[in-house]
Amino acid sequence: MGRAVITLLWINLICLISVALSADAPKNEGRTPLQMAGDTMLSEQLFAIIDLYKEDDPVGLPGATIPDPMPIPEIKQSLSIAKMHLRNVLAHGMSRFRIRFFRTELTTMSVQTQISIDEIAVQGNYTMSTFFNRAEGPFTVLMRNVLTKANVSLAVERDGTLRTKDIELDIAFDDMAMDFQNLGFMGSIFQSVVNTASNLVYDTMKPYMLSEAYTKIREEVDSRMLNITLENGITLPNSIAPLDMAIGEMRTLVRNKGLDPFLVPDYNNTAGIFGMQTMHTWITGGSSFYRYGDISVTMQNNSATLGMHVATQRIVGSTQWEVSVGRGMLSHAGRAQFTVEHIRVAFQVEQPLDLRKKLKLKDIQLELGNIQVRCDGAGTFDYIIEAAVNILPNLLRYQLMDAIENPLRIRIQEKLDCINTEALVRKYAREFELRGTDIDFQDFELCET
């Protein structure tokens, strides 16, 4: 139950963590694939990430085993009037990164990230020689406001596994400063060479760093996703997007939870001497939802935003109604049947990465399809009621939706305010460890305490 949903969410967490890794991952001898994917990632990393983002300025990422300092291969290069040899080069500060932006399009399984580092200090020893002079000693190159951008796309292979398809990486910085010591009185002569040398350090480091990150991202994503799919016997079809497969699982979950058909609570309303009551109202078709646009998860400014575009097919309902006058002295009962061709909902929900904070409904947009009502029991007024209901709502559909959206927004936010996101994440992370993706959602409750 819900295996595809959990797998899809898990893949996003793997992509987020893996893109931040650029060095060897921890060894996992003696662990099963589920322990490697569940225990190492969830218990140790996911919970550590939750605690990290309770800080005002989270730096780094738990489990990101980036060597700091990072060794850089020796650099030998002939410049305009000199030869430069850089050795014992180490890059400091690589582990103190911040995830500035993360966005995944679940439909296409593509990931975009931006990771920043305030300052990287490259230190080592240099030797600079010309026909008439030679200088050597320590050097330091400072790169400030370094920004790494990564685009990763995934694809389902013929064997049903999900693997990385394309990876694009780039590194840029705002400012660079350098200090080559022991140049002596010849420093002014070599100034142009030194200025070139600082760019040389960056130009040499960049492909090395990108190559390391490229290799590790591919290895990390592929190995962990393979562990999950093999351990739980999941084979993804390459004819349907994993997202649509997950939505299919969610439709089954809605039906198994008894939400389709859905019994609407009885409604009573009294205005003066008149009263109206609806009973035994059933709505069918709520589980026919599907996506009609992109579904994305965006992380920025230490908040994650889920954007969805979902729609239903035809919704059918029926109700028994009773109208009374004078507190039941006169009453009349009947039945009504109604259909709505479709309902479309576009919304955005924001969750601060400090999970102690509440979910927030940022936006919601509704679209209602054609409405038809058949009424029985009001005699000659049946035709008047049907005409009023069938014509007016369709003519005023957009005005009605605008009027409904604000009360609906308030009601949804009230429900979101009772959700303990951290409790839910911790609970089902532990469930994942015990059961893998075969988690039982029968006792699923949003408002965990």
Protein backbone atom coordinates (compact mmCIF):
# COMPACT_ATOMS: atom_id res chain seq x y z
CA MET A 1 0.00 0.00 0.00
CA GLY A 2 1.42 3.33 -1.02
CA ARG A 3 4.72 1.78 -2.15
CA ALA A 4 5.09 4.00 -5.20
CA VAL A 5 4.28 7.11 -3.17
CA ILE A 6 6.96 6.34 -0.59
CA THR A 7 9.46 5.39 -3.30
CA LEU A 8 8.90 8.70 -5.10
CA LEU A 9 9.39 10.75 -1.93
CA TRP A 10 12.44 8.70 -1.04
CA ILE A 11 14.00 9.30 -4.47
CA ASN A 12 13.68 13.07 -3.91
CA LEU A 13 15.49 12.82 -0.57
CA ILE A 14 18.24 10.75 -2.18
CA CYS A 15 18.67 13.31 -4.97
CA LEU A 16 18.86 16.18 -2.47
CA ILE A 17 21.50 14.47 -0.34
CA SER A 18 23.46 12.99 -3.24
CA VAL A 19 23.83 16.26 -5.12
CA ALA A 20 25.46 17.69 -1.99
CA LEU A 21 28.02 14.88 -1.89
CA SER A 22 31.25 15.21 -3.82
CA ALA A 23 33.44 12.61 -2.15
CA ASP A 24 33.44 8.98 -1.12
CA ALA A 25 30.35 7.82 0.73
CA PRO A 26 30.68 5.90 4.00
CA LYS A 27 31.43 2.22 3.74
CA ASN A 28 28.52 -0.13 4.32
CA GLU A 29 30.10 -3.52 4.89
CA GLY A 30 27.85 -5.94 6.67
CA ARG A 31 24.63 -4.08 5.97
CA THR A 32 21.70 -5.23 3.92
CA PRO A 33 20.47 -3.03 1.06
CA LEU A 34 17.51 -1.91 3.17
CA GLN A 35 19.80 -1.03 6.05
CA MET A 36 22.01 0.97 3.71
CA ALA A 37 19.02 2.78 2.19
CA GLY A 38 16.91 2.96 5.34
CA ASP A 39 19.13 2.90 8.42
CA THR A 40 22.04 4.99 7.15
CA MET A 41 19.91 7.44 5.22
CA LEU A 42 16.80 7.73 7.33
CA SER A 43 17.71 7.17 10.97
CA GLU A 44 21.08 8.86 10.87
CA GLN A 45 20.76 11.37 8.04
CA LEU A 46 17.08 12.29 7.81
CA PHE A 47 16.67 12.87 11.54
CA ALA A 48 19.99 14.73 11.64
CA ILE A 49 18.78 16.94 8.77
CA ILE A 50 15.56 17.67 10.71
CA ASP A 51 17.63 18.79 13.71
CA LEU A 52 20.02 20.78 11.50
CA TYR A 53 17.22 22.86 9.98
CA LYS A 54 16.02 23.86 13.41
CA GLU A 55 19.02 26.18 13.43
CA ASP A 56 18.76 29.73 12.12
CA ASP A 57 21.56 29.26 9.57
CA PRO A 58 21.99 25.57 8.67
CA VAL A 59 25.41 24.86 7.15
CA GLY A 60 26.48 21.60 5.52
CA LEU A 61 24.44 18.42 5.40
CA PRO A 62 24.69 15.46 7.77
CA GLY A 63 26.26 12.48 6.03
CA ALA A 64 27.87 14.55 3.29
CA THR A 65 31.39 13.10 3.60
CA ILE A 66 33.21 15.89 1.78
CA PRO A 67 36.93 15.93 2.64
CA ASP A 68 37.88 19.24 4.15
CA PRO A 69 40.55 20.08 3.16
CA MET A 70 40.18 18.52 -0.31
CA PRO A 71 43.46 17.60 -2.07
CA ILE A 72 44.00 18.99 -5.58
CA PRO A 73 46.42 17.35 -8.06
CA GLU A 74 49.67 19.13 -8.86
CA ILE A 75 49.45 21.91 -11.41
CA LYS A 76 52.16 22.55 -14.01
CA GLN A 77 51.63 25.27 -16.56
CA SER A 78 53.69 27.47 -18.87
CA LEU A 79 52.62 31.11 -18.75
CA SER A 80 53.65 34.07 -20.90
CA ILE A 81 57.06 34.73 -19.35
CA ALA A 82 57.31 32.05 -16.68
CA LYS A 83 56.64 28.47 -15.70
CA MET A 84 54.37 27.76 -12.77
CA HIS A 85 54.38 24.64 -10.61
CA LEU A 86 51.80 24.30 -7.81
CA ARG A 87 52.04 21.36 -5.40
CA ASN A 88 50.64 20.23 -2.04
CA VAL A 89 47.44 22.06 -2.96
CA LEU A 90 44.50 21.79 -0.55
CA ALA A 91 41.05 23.38 -0.81
CA HIS A 92 39.56 24.39 2.56
CA GLY A 93 35.90 25.16 3.28
CA MET A 94 34.19 22.73 0.89
CA SER A 95 32.10 21.17 3.67
CA ARG A 96 30.58 24.50 4.77
CA PHE A 97 28.00 24.74 2.02
CA ARG A 98 24.41 25.92 2.05
CA ILE A 99 21.64 24.54 -0.11
CA ARG A 100 20.20 27.72 -1.64
CA PHE A 101 17.79 26.17 -4.11
CA PHE A 102 16.40 22.73 -4.86
CA ARG A 103 13.63 21.98 -7.33
CA THR A 104 12.39 18.69 -8.65
CA GLU A 105 9.80 18.19 -11.36
CA LEU A 106 8.19 14.91 -10.40
CA THR A 107 6.65 14.48 -13.84
CA THR A 108 9.97 14.47 -15.70
CA MET A 109 12.05 13.34 -12.71
CA SER A 110 14.47 16.23 -13.11
CA VAL A 111 16.33 17.98 -10.30
CA GLN A 112 17.88 21.46 -10.19
CA THR A 113 20.05 22.59 -7.29
CA GLN A 114 22.16 25.57 -6.28
CA ILE A 115 24.69 25.13 -3.48
CA SER A 116 26.70 28.07 -2.18
CA ILE A 117 29.91 28.36 -0.14
CA ASP A 118 30.87 31.68 1.41
CA GLU A 119 34.61 31.16 0.97
CA ILE A 120 36.99 28.52 -0.35
CA ALA A 121 40.67 28.91 0.55
CA VAL A 122 43.14 27.13 -1.72
CA GLN A 123 46.58 26.79 -0.12
CA GLY A 124 49.78 25.12 -1.23
CA ASN A 125 53.32 25.71 -2.41
CA TYR A 126 54.41 27.28 -5.67
CA THR A 127 57.51 27.52 -7.77
CA MET A 128 57.69 30.25 -10.41
CA SER A 129 60.73 30.46 -12.69
CA THR A 130 61.93 32.49 -15.66
CA PHE A 131 65.24 32.78 -17.52
CA PHE A 132 66.57 35.30 -15.01
CA ASN A 133 64.80 34.59 -11.70
CA ARG A 134 63.14 31.97 -9.54
CA ALA A 135 60.70 32.33 -6.64
CA GLU A 136 59.02 29.75 -4.43
CA GLY A 137 57.02 29.57 -1.22
CA PRO A 138 53.46 29.18 0.08
CA PHE A 139 50.47 30.67 -1.68
CA THR A 140 46.79 31.24 -0.87
CA VAL A 141 43.90 31.83 -3.25
CA LEU A 142 40.54 32.90 -1.78
CA MET A 143 37.32 32.40 -3.76
CA ARG A 144 34.33 34.15 -2.26
CA ASN A 145 30.59 33.53 -2.81
CA VAL A 146 31.12 30.30 -4.69
CA LEU A 147 27.95 28.93 -6.33
CA THR A 148 27.60 25.39 -7.65
CA LYS A 149 24.71 24.60 -9.99
CA ALA A 150 23.59 21.07 -10.83
CA ASN A 151 20.89 19.70 -13.13
CA VAL A 152 20.20 15.98 -12.81
CA SER A 153 17.57 14.04 -14.77
CA LEU A 154 16.44 10.48 -14.12
CA ALA A 155 15.02 7.84 -16.43
CA VAL A 156 13.55 4.35 -16.09
CA GLU A 157 15.77 1.72 -17.71
CA ARG A 158 14.53 -1.35 -19.57
CA ASP A 159 15.05 -3.49 -16.48
CA GLY A 160 12.62 -1.29 -14.50
CA THR A 161 15.24 0.51 -12.40
CA LEU A 162 15.54 4.27 -12.09
CA ARG A 163 18.96 5.70 -12.91
CA THR A 164 20.58 9.02 -13.65
CA LYS A 165 20.27 10.05 -17.27
CA ASP A 166 21.97 13.44 -17.62
CA ILE A 167 24.07 15.50 -15.21
CA GLU A 168 25.10 19.11 -15.79
CA LEU A 169 27.39 20.87 -13.30
CA ASP A 170 28.98 24.30 -13.10
CA ILE A 171 30.93 26.31 -10.50
CA ALA A 172 31.22 30.11 -10.40
CA PHE A 173 32.35 32.74 -7.90
CA ASP A 174 31.95 36.48 -7.32
CA ASP A 175 35.45 37.43 -6.24
CA MET A 176 38.97 35.96 -6.11
CA ALA A 177 41.99 37.17 -4.16
CA MET A 178 45.50 35.70 -4.02
CA ASP A 179 48.68 35.93 -1.98
CA PHE A 180 51.99 34.48 -3.28
CA GLN A 181 54.64 34.88 -0.62
CA ASN A 182 58.42 35.25 -1.03
CA LEU A 183 58.23 37.05 -4.37
CA GLY A 184 60.64 39.67 -2.97
CA PHE A 185 61.63 42.78 -4.90
CA MET A 186 60.75 41.02 -8.17
CA GLY A 187 57.09 40.88 -7.15
CA SER A 188 56.10 43.86 -9.26
CA ILE A 189 57.64 42.24 -12.34
CA PHE A 190 55.76 39.02 -11.72
CA GLN A 191 52.49 40.71 -10.78
CA SER A 192 50.85 40.01 -14.13
CA VAL A 193 52.03 36.41 -13.93
CA VAL A 194 50.65 36.06 -10.41
CA ASN A 195 47.31 37.49 -11.44
CA THR A 196 47.18 34.89 -14.18
CA ALA A 197 48.20 32.20 -11.70
CA SER A 198 45.17 32.72 -9.50
CA ASN A 199 42.90 32.07 -12.46
CA LEU A 200 45.10 29.11 -13.32
CA VAL A 201 44.38 27.59 -9.89
CA TYR A 202 40.65 27.98 -10.44
CA ASP A 203 40.71 26.71 -14.02
CA THR A 204 42.62 23.64 -12.89
CA MET A 205 40.47 23.00 -9.83
CA LYS A 206 37.16 23.37 -11.64
CA PRO A 207 37.29 20.31 -13.92
CA TYR A 208 38.72 18.22 -11.08
CA MET A 209 35.95 19.23 -8.69
CA LEU A 210 33.26 18.80 -11.34
CA SER A 211 34.60 15.40 -12.31
CA GLU A 212 34.61 14.24 -8.69
CA ALA A 213 31.09 15.56 -8.08
CA TYR A 214 29.79 14.13 -11.36
CA THR A 215 31.08 10.65 -10.54
CA LYS A 216 29.90 10.66 -6.94
CA ILE A 217 26.42 12.00 -7.71
CA ARG A 218 25.86 9.28 -10.31
CA GLU A 219 27.23 6.54 -8.05
CA GLU A 220 25.30 7.74 -5.00
CA VAL A 221 21.94 8.15 -6.73
CA ASP A 222 22.16 4.95 -8.78
CA SER A 223 23.38 2.70 -5.96
CA ARG A 224 20.86 3.87 -3.38
CA MET A 225 17.90 3.74 -5.74
CA LEU A 226 18.96 0.29 -6.90
CA ASN A 227 19.10 -0.87 -3.27
CA ILE A 228 15.54 0.33 -2.68
CA THR A 229 14.03 -1.18 -5.81
CA LEU A 230 15.78 -4.55 -5.47
CA GLU A 231 15.13 -4.98 -1.76
CA ASN A 232 11.42 -4.26 -2.13
CA GLY A 233 10.89 -5.97 -5.47
CA ILE A 234 9.83 -2.76 -7.23
CA THR A 235 9.90 -2.68 -11.01
CA LEU A 236 9.00 0.66 -12.54
CA PRO A 237 7.33 0.59 -15.97
CA ASN A 238 9.07 2.68 -18.61
CA SER A 239 5.73 3.35 -20.30
CA ILE A 240 4.35 5.44 -17.44
CA ALA A 241 5.98 8.11 -15.31
CA PRO A 242 6.75 7.04 -11.71
CA LEU A 243 4.63 9.98 -10.58
CA ASP A 244 1.55 8.66 -12.37
CA MET A 245 2.23 5.24 -10.88
CA ALA A 246 2.30 6.87 -7.44
CA ILE A 247 -1.00 8.66 -8.13
CA GLY A 248 -2.51 5.29 -9.07
CA GLU A 249 -1.44 3.96 -5.67
CA MET A 250 -3.00 6.99 -3.98
CA ARG A 251 -6.33 6.36 -5.74
CA THR A 252 -6.30 2.84 -4.31
CA LEU A 253 -5.51 4.26 -0.88
CA VAL A 254 -8.49 6.66 -1.06
CA ARG A 255 -10.86 3.81 -1.94
CA ASN A 256 -9.47 1.50 0.77
CA LYS A 257 -9.87 4.27 3.36
CA GLY A 258 -13.59 4.35 2.54
CA LEU A 259 -13.49 7.83 1.02
CA ASP A 260 -15.02 6.86 -2.33
CA PRO A 261 -17.96 6.69 -2.24
CA PHE A 262 -18.02 9.34 0.48
CA LEU A 263 -20.86 9.86 2.94
CA VAL A 264 -21.39 13.57 3.59
CA PRO A 265 -22.59 14.46 7.10
CA ASP A 266 -26.26 15.41 7.36
CA TYR A 267 -26.98 19.11 7.02
CA ASN A 268 -29.64 21.14 8.84
CA ASN A 269 -30.41 24.82 8.39
CA THR A 270 -33.23 26.94 9.82
CA ALA A 271 -34.14 30.47 8.80
CA GLY A 272 -37.12 31.80 10.69
CA ILE A 273 -40.05 29.44 10.23
CA PHE A 274 -38.38 27.66 7.32
CA GLY A 275 -36.06 24.72 7.66
CA MET A 276 -34.10 22.51 5.29
CA GLN A 277 -32.36 19.22 5.87
CA THR A 278 -30.26 16.99 3.62
CA MET A 279 -29.61 13.37 4.59
CA HIS A 280 -27.85 10.30 3.20
CA THR A 281 -25.75 12.36 0.83
CA TRP A 282 -23.28 10.21 -1.10
CA ILE A 283 -20.59 11.44 -3.50
CA THR A 284 -18.91 9.01 -5.89
CA GLY A 285 -15.89 9.59 -8.10
CA GLY A 286 -13.54 11.30 -5.68
CA SER A 287 -10.84 8.69 -6.33
CA SER A 288 -10.82 9.41 -10.06
CA PHE A 289 -8.26 12.19 -9.59
CA TYR A 290 -5.29 12.56 -11.92
CA ARG A 291 -2.66 15.18 -12.63
CA TYR A 292 -3.27 17.64 -15.45
CA GLY A 293 -0.07 19.63 -15.03
CA ASP A 294 3.31 19.61 -13.35
CA ILE A 295 3.83 18.56 -9.77
CA SER A 296 6.97 20.03 -8.26
CA VAL A 297 8.82 20.31 -4.97
CA THR A 298 10.89 23.47 -4.49
CA MET A 299 13.23 24.22 -1.60
CA GLN A 300 14.32 27.83 -1.12
CA ASN A 301 14.91 30.15 1.84
CA ASN A 302 14.79 27.15 4.19
CA SER A 303 11.24 26.27 3.13
CA ALA A 304 9.88 23.54 0.88
CA THR A 305 6.91 24.22 -1.41
CA LEU A 306 4.78 21.53 -3.01
CA GLY A 307 2.90 22.67 -6.12
CA MET A 308 0.21 20.42 -7.60
CA HIS A 309 -2.29 20.48 -10.43
CA VAL A 310 -4.86 17.71 -10.00
CA ALA A 311 -8.31 17.07 -11.44
CA THR A 312 -11.11 14.55 -11.11
CA GLN A 313 -13.24 12.91 -13.71
CA ARG A 314 -17.03 13.02 -13.40
CA ILE A 315 -18.35 13.35 -9.84
CA VAL A 316 -21.80 11.85 -9.17
CA GLY A 317 -23.87 12.44 -6.05
CA SER A 318 -27.29 11.92 -4.55
CA THR A 319 -29.11 13.21 -1.48
CA GLN A 320 -32.44 13.09 0.31
CA TRP A 321 -33.85 16.47 1.21
CA GLU A 322 -36.69 17.73 3.35
CA VAL A 323 -38.16 21.22 3.54
CA SER A 324 -40.32 22.17 6.52
CA VAL A 325 -42.40 25.16 7.60
CA GLY A 326 -43.29 26.05 11.16
CA ARG A 327 -40.96 23.60 12.89
CA GLY A 328 -42.30 20.59 11.03
CA MET A 329 -45.97 21.48 10.90
CA LEU A 330 -45.71 21.29 7.13
CA SER A 331 -42.95 19.37 5.41
CA HIS A 332 -42.09 18.00 2.03
CA ALA A 333 -39.36 15.46 1.16
CA GLY A 334 -37.68 14.42 -2.04
CA ARG A 335 -34.48 13.25 -3.68
CA ALA A 336 -31.91 14.98 -5.84
CA GLN A 337 -29.15 13.64 -8.04
CA PHE A 338 -26.30 15.75 -9.37
CA THR A 339 -23.23 15.40 -11.55
CA VAL A 340 -20.16 17.59 -11.95
CA GLU A 341 -18.17 16.96 -15.12
CA HIS A 342 -14.85 17.63 -13.41
CA ILE A 343 -13.16 19.52 -10.61
CA ARG A 344 -9.67 20.98 -11.09
CA VAL A 345 -7.54 22.19 -8.23
CA ALA A 346 -4.17 23.94 -8.37
CA PHE A 347 -2.53 24.66 -5.04
CA GLN A 348 0.77 25.35 -3.32
CA VAL A 349 1.58 24.21 0.21
CA GLU A 350 4.68 25.49 2.02
CA GLN A 351 6.46 23.68 4.83
CA PRO A 352 9.38 25.37 6.63
CA LEU A 353 12.34 23.01 6.87
CA ASP A 354 12.19 23.62 10.59
CA LEU A 355 9.47 21.00 10.95
CA ARG A 356 8.32 22.45 14.25
CA LYS A 357 6.66 25.18 12.19
CA LYS A 358 3.28 24.65 10.58
CA LEU A 359 2.28 23.97 7.02
CA LYS A 360 0.91 26.95 5.11
CA LEU A 361 -1.46 27.01 2.16
CA LYS A 362 0.11 29.59 -0.14
CA ASP A 363 -2.38 29.46 -3.00
CA ILE A 364 -5.40 27.54 -4.25
CA GLN A 365 -7.30 27.83 -7.53
CA LEU A 366 -10.52 25.95 -8.32
CA GLU A 367 -12.22 25.15 -11.58
CA LEU A 368 -15.64 23.50 -11.71
CA GLY A 369 -16.97 21.66 -14.73
CA ASN A 370 -20.55 21.64 -16.01
CA ILE A 371 -23.17 20.97 -13.29
CA GLN A 372 -26.41 19.02 -13.78
CA VAL A 373 -29.12 18.34 -11.18
CA ARG A 374 -32.20 16.13 -11.30
CA CYS A 375 -34.77 16.75 -8.59
CA ASP A 376 -37.71 14.53 -7.60
CA GLY A 377 -40.34 15.22 -4.96
CA ALA A 378 -41.15 18.90 -5.33
CA GLY A 379 -43.89 18.38 -7.90
CA THR A 380 -44.13 21.17 -10.44
CA PHE A 381 -41.33 22.98 -8.63
CA ASP A 382 -38.93 20.23 -9.74
CA TYR A 383 -38.58 21.91 -13.11
CA ILE A 384 -38.05 25.33 -11.56
CA ILE A 385 -35.43 23.99 -9.15
CA GLU A 386 -33.64 22.06 -11.90
CA ALA A 387 -33.62 25.08 -14.20
CA ALA A 388 -32.31 27.35 -11.46
CA VAL A 389 -29.58 24.93 -10.40
CA ASN A 390 -28.57 23.81 -13.88
CA ILE A 391 -28.43 27.27 -15.45
CA LEU A 392 -27.31 29.73 -12.76
CA PRO A 393 -24.26 27.85 -11.41
CA ASN A 394 -22.98 27.24 -14.94
CA LEU A 395 -23.43 30.88 -15.88
CA LEU A 396 -21.85 32.08 -12.64
CA ARG A 397 -19.29 29.28 -12.31
CA TYR A 398 -16.22 31.51 -12.06
CA GLN A 399 -17.88 33.93 -9.67
CA LEU A 400 -18.95 31.00 -7.49
CA MET A 401 -15.42 29.58 -7.46
CA ASP A 402 -13.98 32.95 -6.43
CA ALA A 403 -16.52 33.12 -3.62
CA ILE A 404 -15.75 29.57 -2.47
CA GLU A 405 -11.94 29.82 -2.59
CA ASN A 406 -11.46 32.11 0.40
CA PRO A 407 -13.67 30.12 2.86
CA LEU A 408 -12.09 26.93 1.53
CA ARG A 409 -8.61 28.36 2.04
CA ILE A 410 -9.46 29.20 5.66
CA ARG A 411 -10.91 25.73 6.28
CA ILE A 412 -7.90 23.96 4.74
CA GLN A 413 -5.48 26.09 6.75
CA GLU A 414 -7.33 25.13 9.93
CA LYS A 415 -6.73 21.48 9.07
CA LEU A 416 -3.07 22.12 8.22
CA ASP A 417 -2.55 23.89 11.55
CA CYS A 418 -3.29 20.65 13.41
CA ILE A 419 -0.66 18.63 11.51
CA ASN A 420 2.54 17.77 13.33
CA THR A 421 4.85 17.37 10.35
CA GLU A 422 7.87 16.27 12.35
CA ALA A 423 5.90 13.53 14.11
CA LEU A 424 4.60 12.22 10.78
CA VAL A 425 8.06 12.18 9.19
CA ARG A 426 9.67 10.44 12.14
CA LYS A 427 6.86 7.87 12.37
CA TYR A 428 6.88 6.82 8.73
CA ALA A 429 10.66 6.95 8.49
CA ARG A 430 10.72 4.29 11.18
CA GLU A 431 7.97 2.40 9.35
CA PHE A 432 10.14 2.48 6.25
CA GLU A 433 13.03 0.97 8.17
CA LEU A 434 10.86 -1.89 9.42
CA ARG A 435 8.75 -2.59 6.33
CA GLY A 436 10.53 -0.98 3.41
CA THR A 437 8.08 0.60 0.98
CA ASP A 438 5.38 -1.93 1.89
CA ILE A 439 3.96 0.37 4.57
CA ASP A 440 0.45 -0.08 5.95
CA PHE A 441 -1.40 3.24 5.79
CA GLN A 442 -4.66 1.95 7.25
CA ASP A 443 -4.06 3.87 10.51
CA PHE A 444 -2.78 6.98 8.72
CA GLU A 445 -3.80 10.15 10.54
CA LEU A 446 -2.59 13.62 9.58
CA CYS A 447 -2.95 15.19 12.99
CA GLU A 448 -0.29 13.22 14.84
CA THR A 449 0.60 14.40 18.35
